[in-house]
Amino acid sequence: MKISELAKAAQTQAETIRFYEREGLLPQAARTESNYRSYDQSSIERLAFIRHCRSLDMALDEIRTLLRFKDAPSAQCGDVNTLLDEHIDHVTKRIRELKAMEKTLKAMRLQCRDAQLAKDCGILNGLVEAAHQPTASPQPRGHIQGTHR
């Protein structure tokens, strides 16, 4: 099947498929004589696996590691267990951060109960004030390569 057919079957954008190929998560597709990419059922299954891992907020390096084990079914999976334990720790930390963020946002919301002029908005004024405090700058919280290892 062509990339457009794979995209439709896997409910994924063609550009995402190309990205996963560049990242080495999907093998480079065979090419037809007219230079179209050609995929088979295994591509759909691999893409579904990748998408599911992404839905669990796994980083590309984590998925790459999992795919190496998936591609070597006779290998021991101790490193998979470790990877998942570290990812669980990451998710747990992120949940704490999100709860703290929710608390901050709710407190901020109390600063402006009714609609008024923007210059008098407690939320906007509080955000401006916090942005000028050196410790108020949010730290990168994304799922960054090397977070777990």
N, C-alpha and C. Protein backbone atom coordinates (compact mmCIF):
# COMPACT_ATOMS: atom_id res chain seq x y z
N MET A 1 0.84 -1.18 0.00
CA MET A 1 0.00 0.00 0.00
C MET A 1 0.88 1.24 0.00
N LYS A 2 0.35 2.32 -0.54
CA LYS A 2 1.05 3.60 -0.57
C LYS A 2 0.93 4.27 0.79
N ILE A 3 1.72 5.32 0.99
CA ILE A 3 1.73 6.03 2.27
C ILE A 3 0.36 6.61 2.60
N SER A 4 -0.37 7.06 1.59
CA SER A 4 -1.71 7.62 1.85
C SER A 4 -2.65 6.54 2.37
N GLU A 5 -2.50 5.33 1.85
CA GLU A 5 -3.33 4.21 2.31
C GLU A 5 -2.94 3.79 3.72
N LEU A 6 -1.64 3.77 4.01
CA LEU A 6 -1.18 3.46 5.36
C LEU A 6 -1.68 4.53 6.33
N ALA A 7 -1.58 5.78 5.94
CA ALA A 7 -2.04 6.88 6.80
C ALA A 7 -3.51 6.71 7.14
N LYS A 8 -4.29 6.38 6.14
CA LYS A 8 -5.73 6.20 6.36
C LYS A 8 -5.98 4.98 7.26
N ALA A 9 -5.32 3.88 6.98
CA ALA A 9 -5.52 2.65 7.76
C ALA A 9 -5.11 2.83 9.21
N ALA A 10 -4.04 3.60 9.43
CA ALA A 10 -3.52 3.78 10.79
C ALA A 10 -4.02 5.07 11.44
N GLN A 11 -4.85 5.81 10.72
CA GLN A 11 -5.37 7.09 11.22
C GLN A 11 -4.24 7.99 11.69
N THR A 12 -3.26 8.13 10.81
CA THR A 12 -2.06 8.91 11.09
C THR A 12 -1.74 9.76 9.88
N GLN A 13 -1.23 10.94 10.10
CA GLN A 13 -0.84 11.81 9.00
C GLN A 13 0.36 11.22 8.26
N ALA A 14 0.40 11.38 6.96
CA ALA A 14 1.53 10.89 6.17
C ALA A 14 2.84 11.51 6.63
N GLU A 15 2.82 12.78 7.00
CA GLU A 15 4.04 13.44 7.47
C GLU A 15 4.55 12.79 8.76
N THR A 16 3.64 12.35 9.61
CA THR A 16 4.04 11.66 10.84
C THR A 16 4.73 10.35 10.50
N ILE A 17 4.21 9.65 9.52
CA ILE A 17 4.82 8.39 9.09
C ILE A 17 6.23 8.66 8.57
N ARG A 18 6.38 9.68 7.75
CA ARG A 18 7.70 10.04 7.23
C ARG A 18 8.65 10.40 8.38
N PHE A 19 8.13 11.13 9.37
CA PHE A 19 8.93 11.50 10.55
C PHE A 19 9.40 10.24 11.28
N TYR A 20 8.50 9.30 11.52
CA TYR A 20 8.88 8.06 12.20
C TYR A 20 9.92 7.28 11.40
N GLU A 21 9.83 7.33 10.09
CA GLU A 21 10.85 6.69 9.26
C GLU A 21 12.20 7.39 9.45
N ARG A 22 12.21 8.72 9.40
CA ARG A 22 13.47 9.46 9.59
C ARG A 22 14.08 9.19 10.96
N GLU A 23 13.21 9.00 11.96
CA GLU A 23 13.68 8.74 13.33
C GLU A 23 14.08 7.28 13.55
N GLY A 24 13.85 6.45 12.56
CA GLY A 24 14.23 5.04 12.68
C GLY A 24 13.23 4.18 13.42
N LEU A 25 12.06 4.71 13.72
CA LEU A 25 11.03 3.92 14.40
C LEU A 25 10.32 2.99 13.42
N LEU A 26 10.11 3.48 12.22
CA LEU A 26 9.58 2.66 11.13
C LEU A 26 10.72 2.40 10.16
N PRO A 27 10.85 1.19 9.67
CA PRO A 27 11.90 0.95 8.68
C PRO A 27 11.61 1.72 7.40
N GLN A 28 12.65 2.06 6.68
CA GLN A 28 12.47 2.73 5.40
C GLN A 28 11.62 1.83 4.51
N ALA A 29 10.61 2.40 3.92
CA ALA A 29 9.69 1.63 3.09
C ALA A 29 10.37 1.25 1.78
N ALA A 30 9.97 0.11 1.26
CA ALA A 30 10.41 -0.28 -0.08
C ALA A 30 9.81 0.72 -1.05
N ARG A 31 10.41 0.83 -2.22
CA ARG A 31 9.93 1.77 -3.23
C ARG A 31 9.46 1.00 -4.46
N THR A 32 8.40 1.52 -5.04
CA THR A 32 7.90 0.95 -6.30
C THR A 32 8.77 1.47 -7.44
N GLU A 33 8.54 0.96 -8.63
CA GLU A 33 9.29 1.43 -9.80
C GLU A 33 9.08 2.91 -10.05
N SER A 34 7.91 3.41 -9.68
CA SER A 34 7.64 4.84 -9.84
C SER A 34 8.05 5.65 -8.60
N ASN A 35 8.81 5.01 -7.70
CA ASN A 35 9.40 5.63 -6.51
C ASN A 35 8.40 5.96 -5.40
N TYR A 36 7.23 5.35 -5.41
CA TYR A 36 6.29 5.50 -4.30
C TYR A 36 6.71 4.57 -3.17
N ARG A 37 6.51 5.03 -1.94
CA ARG A 37 6.74 4.15 -0.80
C ARG A 37 5.71 3.03 -0.85
N SER A 38 6.13 1.84 -0.42
CA SER A 38 5.24 0.69 -0.42
C SER A 38 5.28 0.03 0.97
N TYR A 39 4.10 -0.11 1.57
CA TYR A 39 4.00 -0.65 2.92
C TYR A 39 3.16 -1.91 2.92
N ASP A 40 3.29 -2.70 4.01
CA ASP A 40 2.47 -3.89 4.16
C ASP A 40 1.80 -3.89 5.53
N GLN A 41 1.14 -4.96 5.87
CA GLN A 41 0.40 -5.08 7.14
C GLN A 41 1.31 -4.87 8.35
N SER A 42 2.56 -5.31 8.26
CA SER A 42 3.46 -5.15 9.40
C SER A 42 3.70 -3.66 9.70
N SER A 43 3.64 -2.83 8.68
CA SER A 43 3.80 -1.39 8.89
C SER A 43 2.63 -0.82 9.69
N ILE A 44 1.43 -1.30 9.41
CA ILE A 44 0.26 -0.86 10.17
C ILE A 44 0.41 -1.27 11.63
N GLU A 45 0.83 -2.50 11.86
CA GLU A 45 0.97 -3.00 13.24
C GLU A 45 2.06 -2.23 13.99
N ARG A 46 3.18 -1.97 13.33
CA ARG A 46 4.27 -1.25 13.99
C ARG A 46 3.84 0.20 14.28
N LEU A 47 3.17 0.80 13.34
CA LEU A 47 2.69 2.17 13.54
C LEU A 47 1.67 2.23 14.68
N ALA A 48 0.81 1.24 14.78
CA ALA A 48 -0.16 1.19 15.88
C ALA A 48 0.58 1.09 17.23
N PHE A 49 1.63 0.28 17.27
CA PHE A 49 2.43 0.14 18.49
C PHE A 49 3.06 1.48 18.87
N ILE A 50 3.66 2.15 17.90
CA ILE A 50 4.30 3.45 18.14
C ILE A 50 3.27 4.46 18.63
N ARG A 51 2.14 4.53 17.96
CA ARG A 51 1.10 5.49 18.34
C ARG A 51 0.59 5.22 19.76
N HIS A 52 0.45 3.95 20.11
CA HIS A 52 -0.01 3.63 21.47
C HIS A 52 1.04 4.08 22.50
N CYS A 53 2.30 3.81 22.21
CA CYS A 53 3.35 4.25 23.14
C CYS A 53 3.35 5.77 23.27
N ARG A 54 3.16 6.48 22.17
CA ARG A 54 3.09 7.94 22.22
C ARG A 54 1.90 8.39 23.05
N SER A 55 0.78 7.66 22.96
CA SER A 55 -0.40 8.02 23.75
C SER A 55 -0.14 7.86 25.25
N LEU A 56 0.87 7.06 25.59
CA LEU A 56 1.28 6.89 26.98
C LEU A 56 2.40 7.86 27.36
N ASP A 57 2.63 8.85 26.50
CA ASP A 57 3.62 9.92 26.70
C ASP A 57 5.05 9.39 26.72
N MET A 58 5.28 8.32 26.00
CA MET A 58 6.64 7.80 25.93
C MET A 58 7.44 8.61 24.91
N ALA A 59 8.68 8.86 25.26
CA ALA A 59 9.59 9.59 24.38
C ALA A 59 10.03 8.68 23.24
N LEU A 60 10.49 9.28 22.15
CA LEU A 60 10.92 8.51 20.99
C LEU A 60 12.04 7.53 21.35
N ASP A 61 12.97 7.95 22.20
CA ASP A 61 14.05 7.04 22.60
C ASP A 61 13.51 5.84 23.37
N GLU A 62 12.50 6.06 24.19
CA GLU A 62 11.89 4.94 24.91
C GLU A 62 11.24 3.98 23.92
N ILE A 63 10.52 4.53 22.97
CA ILE A 63 9.85 3.70 21.97
C ILE A 63 10.87 2.95 21.14
N ARG A 64 11.95 3.62 20.79
CA ARG A 64 13.03 2.98 20.03
C ARG A 64 13.57 1.76 20.80
N THR A 65 13.76 1.93 22.10
CA THR A 65 14.24 0.83 22.94
C THR A 65 13.23 -0.31 22.96
N LEU A 66 11.96 0.04 23.15
CA LEU A 66 10.92 -1.00 23.17
C LEU A 66 10.85 -1.74 21.84
N LEU A 67 10.98 -1.02 20.75
CA LEU A 67 10.95 -1.66 19.43
C LEU A 67 12.13 -2.61 19.24
N ARG A 68 13.30 -2.24 19.78
CA ARG A 68 14.45 -3.16 19.68
C ARG A 68 14.12 -4.49 20.35
N PHE A 69 13.48 -4.43 21.50
CA PHE A 69 13.10 -5.67 22.19
C PHE A 69 11.98 -6.39 21.44
N LYS A 70 11.04 -5.64 20.93
CA LYS A 70 9.95 -6.24 20.17
C LYS A 70 10.49 -6.96 18.94
N ASP A 71 11.54 -6.40 18.34
CA ASP A 71 12.16 -7.00 17.16
C ASP A 71 13.10 -8.16 17.50
N ALA A 72 13.37 -8.36 18.78
CA ALA A 72 14.23 -9.46 19.24
C ALA A 72 13.48 -10.25 20.31
N PRO A 73 12.48 -11.02 19.91
CA PRO A 73 11.60 -11.67 20.88
C PRO A 73 12.28 -12.66 21.82
N SER A 74 13.49 -13.10 21.51
CA SER A 74 14.16 -14.05 22.39
C SER A 74 15.06 -13.35 23.42
N ALA A 75 15.13 -12.03 23.37
CA ALA A 75 15.94 -11.27 24.33
C ALA A 75 15.22 -11.20 25.68
N GLN A 76 16.00 -11.06 26.74
CA GLN A 76 15.44 -10.87 28.08
C GLN A 76 14.86 -9.46 28.19
N CYS A 77 13.77 -9.31 28.93
CA CYS A 77 13.08 -8.02 28.96
C CYS A 77 13.32 -7.22 30.23
N GLY A 78 14.39 -7.50 30.95
CA GLY A 78 14.68 -6.74 32.16
C GLY A 78 14.79 -5.25 31.92
N ASP A 79 15.41 -4.86 30.80
CA ASP A 79 15.53 -3.44 30.49
C ASP A 79 14.19 -2.81 30.16
N VAL A 80 13.27 -3.60 29.63
CA VAL A 80 11.91 -3.11 29.37
C VAL A 80 11.23 -2.78 30.70
N ASN A 81 11.40 -3.68 31.67
CA ASN A 81 10.82 -3.43 33.00
C ASN A 81 11.40 -2.16 33.60
N THR A 82 12.71 -1.99 33.49
CA THR A 82 13.36 -0.79 34.04
C THR A 82 12.86 0.46 33.33
N LEU A 83 12.77 0.39 32.02
CA LEU A 83 12.28 1.53 31.25
C LEU A 83 10.87 1.91 31.70
N LEU A 84 10.01 0.92 31.86
CA LEU A 84 8.64 1.22 32.27
C LEU A 84 8.59 1.77 33.69
N ASP A 85 9.41 1.22 34.59
CA ASP A 85 9.45 1.75 35.96
C ASP A 85 9.88 3.21 35.96
N GLU A 86 10.87 3.55 35.14
CA GLU A 86 11.33 4.93 35.06
C GLU A 86 10.25 5.82 34.44
N HIS A 87 9.54 5.29 33.46
CA HIS A 87 8.47 6.08 32.85
C HIS A 87 7.33 6.31 33.84
N ILE A 88 7.01 5.31 34.62
CA ILE A 88 5.99 5.47 35.66
C ILE A 88 6.41 6.57 36.63
N ASP A 89 7.69 6.59 37.02
CA ASP A 89 8.18 7.65 37.91
C ASP A 89 8.01 9.02 37.25
N HIS A 90 8.31 9.10 35.95
CA HIS A 90 8.14 10.35 35.21
C HIS A 90 6.67 10.79 35.23
N VAL A 91 5.77 9.86 34.97
CA VAL A 91 4.34 10.18 34.93
C VAL A 91 3.87 10.63 36.31
N THR A 92 4.32 9.95 37.35
CA THR A 92 3.94 10.30 38.72
C THR A 92 4.40 11.72 39.05
N LYS A 93 5.64 12.04 38.67
CA LYS A 93 6.16 13.40 38.90
C LYS A 93 5.35 14.41 38.11
N ARG A 94 5.04 14.10 36.88
CA ARG A 94 4.27 15.01 36.03
C ARG A 94 2.87 15.26 36.60
N ILE A 95 2.25 14.22 37.15
CA ILE A 95 0.93 14.38 37.78
C ILE A 95 1.02 15.36 38.95
N ARG A 96 2.08 15.22 39.77
CA ARG A 96 2.27 16.16 40.89
C ARG A 96 2.42 17.59 40.37
N GLU A 97 3.21 17.75 39.30
CA GLU A 97 3.41 19.08 38.72
C GLU A 97 2.09 19.64 38.19
N LEU A 98 1.30 18.81 37.54
CA LEU A 98 0.03 19.27 36.98
C LEU A 98 -0.96 19.64 38.09
N LYS A 99 -0.96 18.88 39.18
CA LYS A 99 -1.83 19.22 40.31
C LYS A 99 -1.42 20.56 40.92
N ALA A 100 -0.12 20.80 41.03
CA ALA A 100 0.36 22.09 41.54
C ALA A 100 -0.03 23.21 40.59
N MET A 101 0.07 22.95 39.29
CA MET A 101 -0.33 23.94 38.30
C MET A 101 -1.82 24.24 38.41
N GLU A 102 -2.62 23.21 38.59
CA GLU A 102 -4.07 23.39 38.74
C GLU A 102 -4.36 24.27 39.95
N LYS A 103 -3.68 24.01 41.04
CA LYS A 103 -3.88 24.80 42.26
C LYS A 103 -3.52 26.27 42.01
N THR A 104 -2.42 26.50 41.34
CA THR A 104 -1.99 27.86 41.00
C THR A 104 -3.03 28.55 40.12
N LEU A 105 -3.51 27.84 39.10
CA LEU A 105 -4.49 28.42 38.19
C LEU A 105 -5.80 28.72 38.89
N LYS A 106 -6.23 27.85 39.78
CA LYS A 106 -7.47 28.11 40.52
C LYS A 106 -7.32 29.31 41.44
N ALA A 107 -6.16 29.43 42.08
CA ALA A 107 -5.92 30.61 42.94
C ALA A 107 -5.90 31.87 42.09
N MET A 108 -5.31 31.77 40.92
CA MET A 108 -5.28 32.91 40.01
C MET A 108 -6.69 33.30 39.58
N ARG A 109 -7.50 32.30 39.33
CA ARG A 109 -8.88 32.56 38.87
C ARG A 109 -9.66 33.35 39.92
N LEU A 110 -9.37 33.14 41.17
CA LEU A 110 -10.06 33.86 42.24
C LEU A 110 -9.70 35.34 42.26
N GLN A 111 -8.65 35.72 41.56
CA GLN A 111 -8.21 37.12 41.52
C GLN A 111 -9.09 37.99 40.63
N CYS A 112 -9.95 37.38 39.86
CA CYS A 112 -10.80 38.16 38.95
C CYS A 112 -12.11 37.40 38.79
N ARG A 113 -13.05 37.66 39.68
CA ARG A 113 -14.32 36.93 39.68
C ARG A 113 -15.28 37.39 38.58
N ASP A 114 -15.29 38.67 38.29
CA ASP A 114 -16.24 39.22 37.33
C ASP A 114 -15.48 39.89 36.18
N ALA A 115 -16.16 39.98 35.05
CA ALA A 115 -15.58 40.66 33.89
C ALA A 115 -15.42 42.15 34.21
N GLN A 116 -14.28 42.69 33.83
CA GLN A 116 -14.00 44.11 34.03
C GLN A 116 -13.00 44.56 32.98
N LEU A 117 -12.54 45.76 33.08
CA LEU A 117 -11.54 46.24 32.13
C LEU A 117 -10.27 45.41 32.27
N ALA A 118 -9.63 45.11 31.15
CA ALA A 118 -8.43 44.29 31.17
C ALA A 118 -7.34 44.90 32.06
N LYS A 119 -7.26 46.25 32.09
CA LYS A 119 -6.22 46.89 32.91
C LYS A 119 -6.44 46.64 34.41
N ASP A 120 -7.65 46.27 34.79
CA ASP A 120 -7.97 46.00 36.19
C ASP A 120 -8.07 44.50 36.49
N CYS A 121 -7.80 43.67 35.51
CA CYS A 121 -7.95 42.22 35.67
C CYS A 121 -6.89 41.67 36.63
N GLY A 122 -7.36 41.07 37.70
CA GLY A 122 -6.44 40.49 38.68
C GLY A 122 -5.59 39.36 38.11
N ILE A 123 -6.17 38.60 37.20
CA ILE A 123 -5.41 37.50 36.59
C ILE A 123 -4.26 38.05 35.75
N LEU A 124 -4.59 38.97 34.84
CA LEU A 124 -3.55 39.54 33.98
C LEU A 124 -2.48 40.25 34.79
N ASN A 125 -2.89 41.04 35.77
CA ASN A 125 -1.93 41.76 36.60
C ASN A 125 -1.06 40.79 37.40
N GLY A 126 -1.65 39.72 37.88
CA GLY A 126 -0.89 38.71 38.61
C GLY A 126 0.12 38.00 37.72
N LEU A 127 -0.29 37.71 36.48
CA LEU A 127 0.63 37.07 35.54
C LEU A 127 1.79 37.98 35.19
N VAL A 128 1.49 39.26 34.98
CA VAL A 128 2.55 40.22 34.67
C VAL A 128 3.53 40.31 35.83
N GLU A 129 3.00 40.40 37.03
CA GLU A 129 3.86 40.50 38.21
C GLU A 129 4.72 39.24 38.38
N ALA A 130 4.11 38.08 38.22
CA ALA A 130 4.84 36.82 38.38
C ALA A 130 5.90 36.66 37.30
N ALA A 131 5.63 37.16 36.09
CA ALA A 131 6.59 37.03 34.99
C ALA A 131 7.86 37.82 35.26
N HIS A 132 7.78 38.83 36.11
CA HIS A 132 8.95 39.66 36.41
C HIS A 132 9.76 39.12 37.58
N GLN A 133 9.27 38.09 38.24
CA GLN A 133 10.00 37.49 39.35
C GLN A 133 10.93 36.42 38.79
N PRO A 134 12.20 36.42 39.20
CA PRO A 134 13.17 35.48 38.62
C PRO A 134 12.77 34.01 38.78
N THR A 135 12.12 33.66 39.87
CA THR A 135 11.76 32.25 40.09
C THR A 135 10.44 31.90 39.46
N ALA A 136 9.76 32.85 38.87
CA ALA A 136 8.44 32.59 38.30
C ALA A 136 8.51 31.93 36.93
N SER A 137 9.68 32.00 36.29
CA SER A 137 9.78 31.41 34.96
C SER A 137 9.61 29.90 35.05
N PRO A 138 8.66 29.36 34.29
CA PRO A 138 8.45 27.92 34.36
C PRO A 138 9.65 27.16 33.82
N GLN A 139 9.98 26.09 34.48
CA GLN A 139 11.05 25.21 34.03
C GLN A 139 10.51 24.30 32.94
N PRO A 140 11.36 23.88 32.01
CA PRO A 140 10.89 22.94 30.99
C PRO A 140 10.35 21.69 31.67
N ARG A 141 9.15 21.30 31.34
CA ARG A 141 8.51 20.17 31.99
C ARG A 141 8.23 19.03 31.03
N GLY A 142 8.64 19.20 29.79
CA GLY A 142 8.33 18.20 28.78
C GLY A 142 9.05 16.90 29.03
N HIS A 143 8.74 15.96 28.20
CA HIS A 143 9.37 14.65 28.26
C HIS A 143 10.64 14.71 27.44
N ILE A 144 11.72 15.08 28.09
CA ILE A 144 12.97 15.36 27.42
C ILE A 144 13.84 14.12 27.39
N GLN A 145 14.55 13.96 26.29
CA GLN A 145 15.47 12.83 26.14
C GLN A 145 16.39 12.77 27.35
N GLY A 146 16.57 11.58 27.90
CA GLY A 146 17.44 11.40 29.04
C GLY A 146 16.76 11.63 30.37
N THR A 147 15.47 11.91 30.36
CA THR A 147 14.74 12.15 31.61
C THR A 147 14.83 10.96 32.54
N HIS A 148 14.75 9.77 31.97
CA HIS A 148 14.69 8.58 32.80
C HIS A 148 16.04 7.92 33.07
N ARG A 149 17.03 8.23 32.29
CA ARG A 149 18.27 7.47 32.45
C ARG A 149 19.40 8.34 32.90
